[in-house]
Amino acid sequence: MAKKTQGFIFHIAAIKFALKLGEKTQTFKNMNARYPNPVLSICAQHKMHSDAYYECYVRAMSMTLYHPTGNPCYGFVSVLTAISNK
């Protein structure tokens, strides 16, 4: 597995915190909240709920929060690379 960066350490801690909320807080217990325990085949070589599994999960399931293909440049006719309705 690649060297853990601060970002992965943060994501692993966030996953553990979210799971702890579901397991330990009365509010989530009252809602009968359950973690579905999905096993990703790409991460099957790691023990479930281990840091290595969560790191693999983050690497496999992370995606951008913006439009991944980009946006065209909108602007005036004088801007040659811009899309314009004139």
C-alpha atoms as a PDB file:
ATOM      1  CA  MET A   1       0.000   0.000   0.000  1.00  0.00           C
ATOM      2  CA  ALA A   2       1.262   3.481  -0.756  1.00  0.00           C
ATOM      3  CA  LYS A   3       2.523   5.760   1.998  1.00  0.00           C
ATOM      4  CA  LYS A   4      -0.329   7.257   4.004  1.00  0.00           C
ATOM      5  CA  THR A   5      -0.639  10.972   3.555  1.00  0.00           C
ATOM      6  CA  GLN A   6      -2.275  13.285   6.056  1.00  0.00           C
ATOM      7  CA  GLY A   7      -5.389  13.155   3.836  1.00  0.00           C
ATOM      8  CA  PHE A   8      -5.715   9.390   4.173  1.00  0.00           C
ATOM      9  CA  ILE A   9      -5.111   9.557   7.911  1.00  0.00           C
ATOM     10  CA  PHE A  10      -7.944  12.130   8.119  1.00  0.00           C
ATOM     11  CA  HIS A  11     -10.316  10.010   5.993  1.00  0.00           C
ATOM     12  CA  ILE A  12      -9.636   6.866   8.020  1.00  0.00           C
ATOM     13  CA  ALA A  13     -10.253   8.778  11.258  1.00  0.00           C
ATOM     14  CA  ALA A  14     -13.491  10.207   9.804  1.00  0.00           C
ATOM     15  CA  ILE A  15     -14.746   6.735   8.838  1.00  0.00           C
ATOM     16  CA  LYS A  16     -13.992   5.403  12.321  1.00  0.00           C
ATOM     17  CA  PHE A  17     -15.700   8.419  13.914  1.00  0.00           C
ATOM     18  CA  ALA A  18     -18.833   7.935  11.773  1.00  0.00           C
ATOM     19  CA  LEU A  19     -18.980   4.235  12.640  1.00  0.00           C
ATOM     20  CA  LYS A  20     -18.541   5.028  16.336  1.00  0.00           C
ATOM     21  CA  LEU A  21     -21.432   7.507  16.147  1.00  0.00           C
ATOM     22  CA  GLY A  22     -23.663   4.813  14.751  1.00  0.00           C
ATOM     23  CA  GLU A  23     -22.611   2.240  17.316  1.00  0.00           C
ATOM     24  CA  LYS A  24     -22.355   4.352  20.466  1.00  0.00           C
ATOM     25  CA  THR A  25     -24.905   7.173  20.370  1.00  0.00           C
ATOM     26  CA  GLN A  26     -28.415   6.690  21.660  1.00  0.00           C
ATOM     27  CA  THR A  27     -29.919   8.689  18.805  1.00  0.00           C
ATOM     28  CA  PHE A  28     -28.604   6.314  16.166  1.00  0.00           C
ATOM     29  CA  LYS A  29     -29.442   3.308  18.339  1.00  0.00           C
ATOM     30  CA  ASN A  30     -33.023   4.582  18.553  1.00  0.00           C
ATOM     31  CA  MET A  31     -33.100   4.777  14.754  1.00  0.00           C
ATOM     32  CA  ASN A  32     -31.713   1.222  14.549  1.00  0.00           C
ATOM     33  CA  ALA A  33     -28.955   2.584  12.308  1.00  0.00           C
ATOM     34  CA  ARG A  34     -26.700  -0.077  10.806  1.00  0.00           C
ATOM     35  CA  TYR A  35     -23.536   0.005   8.748  1.00  0.00           C
ATOM     36  CA  PRO A  36     -24.107  -2.282   5.750  1.00  0.00           C
ATOM     37  CA  ASN A  37     -20.496  -3.626   5.794  1.00  0.00           C
ATOM     38  CA  PRO A  38     -19.946  -3.643   2.052  1.00  0.00           C
ATOM     39  CA  VAL A  39     -16.866  -5.635   1.088  1.00  0.00           C
ATOM     40  CA  LEU A  40     -15.210  -4.229  -1.992  1.00  0.00           C
ATOM     41  CA  SER A  41     -13.653  -7.017  -4.013  1.00  0.00           C
ATOM     42  CA  ILE A  42     -10.668  -4.784  -4.744  1.00  0.00           C
ATOM     43  CA  CYS A  43     -10.056  -4.489  -0.971  1.00  0.00           C
ATOM     44  CA  ALA A  44     -10.827  -8.111  -0.027  1.00  0.00           C
ATOM     45  CA  GLN A  45      -7.170  -8.850   0.750  1.00  0.00           C
ATOM     46  CA  HIS A  46      -7.396  -6.533   3.789  1.00  0.00           C
ATOM     47  CA  LYS A  47      -9.073  -7.340   7.096  1.00  0.00           C
ATOM     48  CA  MET A  48     -12.464  -5.643   7.320  1.00  0.00           C
ATOM     49  CA  HIS A  49     -12.404  -2.484   9.486  1.00  0.00           C
ATOM     50  CA  SER A  50      -8.609  -2.307   9.454  1.00  0.00           C
ATOM     51  CA  ASP A  51      -6.780   0.891   8.525  1.00  0.00           C
ATOM     52  CA  ALA A  52      -5.507  -0.880   5.401  1.00  0.00           C
ATOM     53  CA  TYR A  53      -9.082  -1.769   4.391  1.00  0.00           C
ATOM     54  CA  TYR A  54     -10.292   1.797   4.929  1.00  0.00           C
ATOM     55  CA  GLU A  55      -7.352   3.216   2.993  1.00  0.00           C
ATOM     56  CA  CYS A  56      -8.110   0.855   0.108  1.00  0.00           C
ATOM     57  CA  TYR A  57     -11.810   1.789   0.346  1.00  0.00           C
ATOM     58  CA  VAL A  58     -11.015   5.516   0.198  1.00  0.00           C
ATOM     59  CA  ARG A  59      -8.698   4.996  -2.780  1.00  0.00           C
ATOM     60  CA  ALA A  60     -11.346   2.930  -4.603  1.00  0.00           C
ATOM     61  CA  MET A  61     -14.460   4.940  -3.778  1.00  0.00           C
ATOM     62  CA  SER A  62     -13.326   8.557  -3.605  1.00  0.00           C
ATOM     63  CA  MET A  63     -14.469  10.898  -6.317  1.00  0.00           C
ATOM     64  CA  THR A  64     -14.463  14.567  -7.006  1.00  0.00           C
ATOM     65  CA  LEU A  65     -17.234  16.826  -5.786  1.00  0.00           C
ATOM     66  CA  TYR A  66     -17.188  18.921  -8.932  1.00  0.00           C
ATOM     67  CA  HIS A  67     -18.119  18.177 -12.518  1.00  0.00           C
ATOM     68  CA  PRO A  68     -15.221  15.904 -13.493  1.00  0.00           C
ATOM     69  CA  THR A  69     -15.147  16.814 -17.185  1.00  0.00           C
ATOM     70  CA  GLY A  70     -14.849  20.550 -16.700  1.00  0.00           C
ATOM     71  CA  ASN A  71     -16.848  23.409 -18.073  1.00  0.00           C
ATOM     72  CA  PRO A  72     -16.529  25.375 -21.276  1.00  0.00           C
ATOM     73  CA  CYS A  73     -15.341  28.941 -21.172  1.00  0.00           C
ATOM     74  CA  TYR A  74     -18.292  31.314 -21.504  1.00  0.00           C
ATOM     75  CA  GLY A  75     -17.682  34.899 -22.447  1.00  0.00           C
ATOM     76  CA  PHE A  76     -17.799  37.680 -24.974  1.00  0.00           C
ATOM     77  CA  VAL A  77     -17.382  37.208 -28.715  1.00  0.00           C
ATOM     78  CA  SER A  78     -14.022  38.975 -28.462  1.00  0.00           C
ATOM     79  CA  VAL A  79     -12.648  36.056 -26.386  1.00  0.00           C
ATOM     80  CA  LEU A  80     -11.730  33.519 -29.072  1.00  0.00           C
ATOM     81  CA  THR A  81     -11.859  30.466 -26.809  1.00  0.00           C
ATOM     82  CA  ALA A  82     -15.218  31.368 -25.215  1.00  0.00           C
ATOM     83  CA  ILE A  83     -18.614  30.018 -26.135  1.00  0.00           C
ATOM     84  CA  SER A  84     -20.974  32.837 -27.025  1.00  0.00           C
ATOM     85  CA  ASN A  85     -24.518  33.051 -28.375  1.00  0.00           C
ATOM     86  CA  LYS A  86     -23.545  35.788 -30.840  1.00  0.00           C
END
